[in-house]
Protein backbone atom coordinates (compact mmCIF):
# COMPACT_ATOMS: atom_id res chain seq x y z
CA MET A 1 44.39 93.64 194.13
CA ARG A 2 43.14 94.02 197.54
CA ALA A 3 43.08 97.84 198.92
CA LEU A 4 45.81 98.94 201.11
CA VAL A 5 44.97 99.96 204.19
CA ALA A 6 47.07 102.86 206.45
CA PRO A 7 45.12 103.55 209.74
CA SER A 8 46.04 107.51 210.70
CA ILE A 9 47.46 107.89 214.13
CA LEU A 10 45.60 111.45 214.45
CA SER A 11 42.70 109.47 215.47
CA ALA A 12 44.41 107.37 217.81
CA ASP A 13 44.17 107.78 221.75
CA PHE A 14 47.41 109.76 222.82
CA ASN A 15 46.84 108.72 226.28
CA ASN A 16 47.31 104.86 224.89
CA LEU A 17 49.27 105.34 221.64
CA GLY A 18 51.29 102.09 222.40
CA LYS A 19 48.26 99.87 222.85
CA ASP A 20 46.80 101.52 219.33
CA ILE A 21 50.37 100.93 217.25
CA GLU A 22 50.12 97.10 218.44
CA MET A 23 46.68 97.03 217.45
CA ILE A 24 47.86 98.05 214.03
CA ASN A 25 50.65 95.91 214.03
CA GLN A 26 48.47 92.81 214.88
CA SER A 27 45.79 94.04 211.69
CA GLU A 28 45.64 93.38 208.28
CA ALA A 29 46.91 97.16 207.99
CA ASP A 30 50.25 97.66 205.05
CA TYR A 31 50.94 101.45 206.64
CA ILE A 32 50.78 103.53 209.56
CA HIS A 33 49.71 107.26 208.79
CA PHE A 34 51.31 110.02 210.26
CA ASP A 35 50.02 113.90 209.50
CA VAL A 36 52.54 116.10 210.45
CA MET A 37 51.11 119.74 210.75
CA ASP A 38 52.70 123.17 211.62
CA GLY A 39 50.11 125.22 212.23
CA VAL A 40 51.37 127.38 209.27
CA PHE A 41 50.62 125.50 206.16
CA VAL A 42 47.86 124.13 207.67
CA PRO A 43 45.31 125.44 210.53
CA ASN A 44 46.47 122.76 213.42
CA ILE A 45 49.53 121.95 215.15
CA SER A 46 49.77 117.84 215.74
CA PHE A 47 53.59 116.08 216.20
CA GLY A 48 56.73 115.39 215.23
CA ILE A 49 60.01 113.69 214.83
CA PRO A 50 60.08 112.53 218.59
CA VAL A 51 56.90 110.91 217.92
CA ILE A 52 57.26 109.21 215.09
CA GLU A 53 60.90 107.77 216.55
CA HIS A 54 59.05 106.22 219.54
CA VAL A 55 56.49 104.99 217.14
CA ASN A 56 58.97 103.69 214.93
CA LYS A 57 61.05 101.12 218.32
CA ILE A 58 57.37 99.12 218.47
CA ALA A 59 56.01 99.20 214.63
CA GLN A 60 55.59 96.62 212.11
CA LYS A 61 54.48 98.25 209.56
CA PRO A 62 56.39 100.83 207.29
CA LEU A 63 55.50 104.56 208.37
CA ASP A 64 53.47 106.91 206.01
CA VAL A 65 54.61 110.79 206.69
CA HIS A 66 52.34 113.09 205.34
CA LEU A 67 54.21 116.48 205.92
CA MET A 68 51.50 119.07 206.14
CA ILE A 69 54.34 121.82 206.55
CA VAL A 70 56.01 124.88 204.93
CA ASP A 71 59.91 124.52 203.27
CA PRO A 72 59.65 120.64 203.90
CA ASP A 73 62.77 120.08 202.05
CA LYS A 74 64.94 120.68 205.38
CA PHE A 75 63.01 118.20 207.37
CA ILE A 76 63.13 115.09 205.36
CA GLU A 77 66.07 113.85 206.24
CA PRO A 78 65.13 114.04 210.41
CA PHE A 79 62.07 112.34 209.22
CA VAL A 80 63.84 109.61 207.25
CA GLU A 81 66.29 108.79 210.12
CA ALA A 82 63.30 108.67 212.42
CA GLY A 83 61.48 105.64 210.75
CA ALA A 84 59.26 107.28 207.81
CA SER A 85 59.31 104.59 204.83
CA ILE A 86 57.39 107.08 202.64
CA ILE A 87 57.52 110.82 202.61
CA THR A 88 54.79 112.98 201.39
CA VAL A 89 55.05 116.62 200.57
CA HIS A 90 52.48 118.84 199.55
CA TYR A 91 52.59 120.25 195.44
CA GLU A 92 51.33 123.64 197.17
CA ALA A 93 54.59 123.93 199.77
CA CYS A 94 56.75 123.11 197.26
CA ARG A 95 58.63 125.48 195.22
CA HIS A 96 60.89 123.10 193.20
CA LEU A 97 59.11 119.89 193.27
CA HIS A 98 61.37 117.78 191.11
CA ARG A 99 64.68 118.42 193.47
CA THR A 100 61.91 117.82 196.44
CA VAL A 101 61.34 114.56 194.98
CA GLN A 102 64.81 113.39 194.19
CA LEU A 103 66.05 114.43 197.66
CA ILE A 104 63.19 112.33 199.04
CA LYS A 105 64.68 109.41 196.83
CA SER A 106 68.06 110.22 197.76
CA PHE A 107 67.18 109.43 201.75
CA GLY A 108 66.09 106.03 200.47
CA ALA A 109 62.55 106.81 201.06
CA SER A 110 59.56 106.25 198.72
CA ALA A 111 58.47 109.98 197.47
CA SER A 112 54.92 110.92 197.31
CA VAL A 113 53.28 113.85 196.41
CA CYS A 114 49.78 115.43 198.02
CA LEU A 115 47.51 117.56 196.30
CA ASN A 116 44.70 120.06 198.02
CA PRO A 117 41.13 119.59 197.39
CA HIS A 118 41.13 122.87 195.01
CA THR A 119 44.55 121.90 192.89
CA PRO A 120 43.92 119.94 189.19
CA VAL A 121 45.79 117.11 189.13
CA ALA A 122 47.27 117.56 185.92
CA VAL A 123 50.11 119.84 187.34
CA LEU A 124 51.83 116.80 188.14
CA GLU A 125 51.73 115.43 184.39
CA ASP A 126 55.34 116.28 184.16
CA ILE A 127 56.30 114.54 186.99
CA ILE A 128 54.28 111.56 187.54
CA GLY A 129 56.98 109.28 185.83
CA GLU A 130 59.08 110.22 188.99
CA LEU A 131 56.67 109.49 191.80
CA ASP A 132 56.06 106.45 193.99
CA MET A 133 52.81 107.48 195.38
CA VAL A 134 50.02 110.73 194.94
CA LEU A 135 48.00 111.74 197.93
CA LEU A 136 44.87 113.12 197.00
CA MET A 137 43.31 115.12 200.27
CA SER A 138 39.35 114.23 199.84
CA VAL A 139 38.64 116.96 203.06
CA ASN A 140 40.57 120.20 203.25
CA PRO A 141 43.82 119.31 205.46
CA GLY A 142 44.45 120.24 209.31
CA PHE A 143 41.70 118.45 211.15
CA GLY A 144 40.05 114.62 210.86
CA GLY A 145 36.30 113.88 210.70
CA GLN A 146 35.76 116.12 208.23
CA LYS A 147 33.09 115.18 205.28
CA PHE A 148 34.47 114.12 202.37
CA ILE A 149 34.29 116.11 199.04
CA GLU A 150 32.54 114.42 196.39
CA ASN A 151 34.80 115.70 193.38
CA THR A 152 37.51 113.49 194.54
CA TYR A 153 35.92 110.36 192.84
CA ARG A 154 36.44 112.81 189.46
CA LYS A 155 39.80 113.16 190.41
CA VAL A 156 40.83 109.61 191.07
CA ALA A 157 39.73 108.65 187.48
CA GLN A 158 41.75 111.42 186.10
CA LEU A 159 44.59 110.84 188.02
CA ARG A 160 44.78 106.85 187.51
CA LYS A 161 44.23 108.11 183.54
CA MET A 162 47.21 110.04 183.80
CA ILE A 163 49.63 106.95 185.52
CA ASP A 164 48.21 104.37 182.99
CA ASP A 165 49.36 106.74 180.20
CA ALA A 166 52.59 107.22 181.56
CA ASN A 167 53.19 103.41 182.37
CA SER A 168 53.96 104.34 185.91
CA ASP A 169 53.50 102.03 189.23
CA CYS A 170 52.93 105.10 191.40
CA LYS A 171 49.98 104.40 193.85
CA ILE A 172 47.05 106.71 194.51
CA GLU A 173 46.23 107.26 198.05
CA ILE A 174 43.41 109.29 199.78
CA ASP A 175 43.10 110.78 202.80
CA GLY A 176 39.61 112.24 204.33
CA GLY A 177 36.23 110.58 204.93
CA VAL A 178 37.07 107.43 203.62
CA ASN A 179 34.73 104.61 205.14
CA TYR A 180 33.13 101.74 203.54
CA GLU A 181 30.81 103.37 201.09
CA THR A 182 33.74 106.22 199.87
CA GLY A 183 36.29 103.69 199.83
CA LYS A 184 34.62 101.17 197.20
CA LYS A 185 33.86 104.07 195.14
CA LEU A 186 37.75 105.41 195.47
CA LEU A 187 38.91 102.16 194.41
CA ASP A 188 36.25 101.48 191.73
CA ARG A 189 37.61 104.37 190.00
CA GLY A 190 41.37 103.30 190.28
CA ALA A 191 42.45 104.22 194.07
CA ASP A 192 45.31 102.12 195.85
CA VAL A 193 45.59 103.22 199.12
CA LEU A 194 43.07 104.27 201.42
CA VAL A 195 44.15 106.23 204.96
CA ALA A 196 41.21 105.90 207.22
CA GLY A 197 41.52 108.01 210.88
CA SER A 198 38.30 108.30 212.88
CA PHE A 199 36.31 105.45 210.58
CA VAL A 200 39.01 103.05 212.58
CA PHE A 201 39.66 104.52 215.93
CA SER A 202 35.93 105.61 216.53
CA ALA A 203 34.89 101.69 216.37
CA GLU A 204 34.49 99.11 218.79
CA ASN A 205 36.72 96.79 216.94
CA PRO A 206 39.14 98.63 214.58
CA LYS A 207 40.58 95.56 213.47
CA GLU A 208 37.32 94.75 211.77
CA ILE A 209 37.07 98.03 210.31
CA ILE A 210 40.80 97.37 209.15
CA SER A 211 39.77 94.03 207.36
CA GLY A 212 36.82 94.98 205.93
CA LEU A 213 38.54 98.03 204.09
CA LYS A 214 40.90 95.40 203.03
CA SER A 215 37.91 93.29 201.50
CA LEU A 216 36.11 96.22 199.52
């Protein structure tokens, strides 16, 4: 199967956001990725529901919304109403993860859980059969353009085995430092979805970069 690609608008040009969304619409991208940061769970503030609502009016790809926030449960319904097709919450931010996953699904969205670089994949063993996707952070969350953490390759392989052993259809998504080199190695180890921000939006021809990631 070809890679699924999710350009991250954290690296888009917010003076010309509509233009960048139209580029994604016309590209081979599969999702549009949103990093929602609250300045509490991560040391940065990005954007919230109004931006997603506006993008949803013109987007032709599913919206993949990554909540880097504390107490995500009370925001799940508003984000789904704003247009999110996939909601990702952090394992580290959820007191009752199973309840949160069921809440996401109750609103008709796909449920995804993110693990920070220091969190082992084993913590998801008892819930992996309930998940539609797991997002592994391959950089520390909060900022774009960081260096890829090499240990991610081992975590992807471990997670792929866990998913296969559970006979689950859960996808593996990677966010942080994705390019052609790291993307190929991640896919070889079992990843399904590549999130790419600066690698796409800093390129002269972003659609060509997206196509290249699809072809790895």
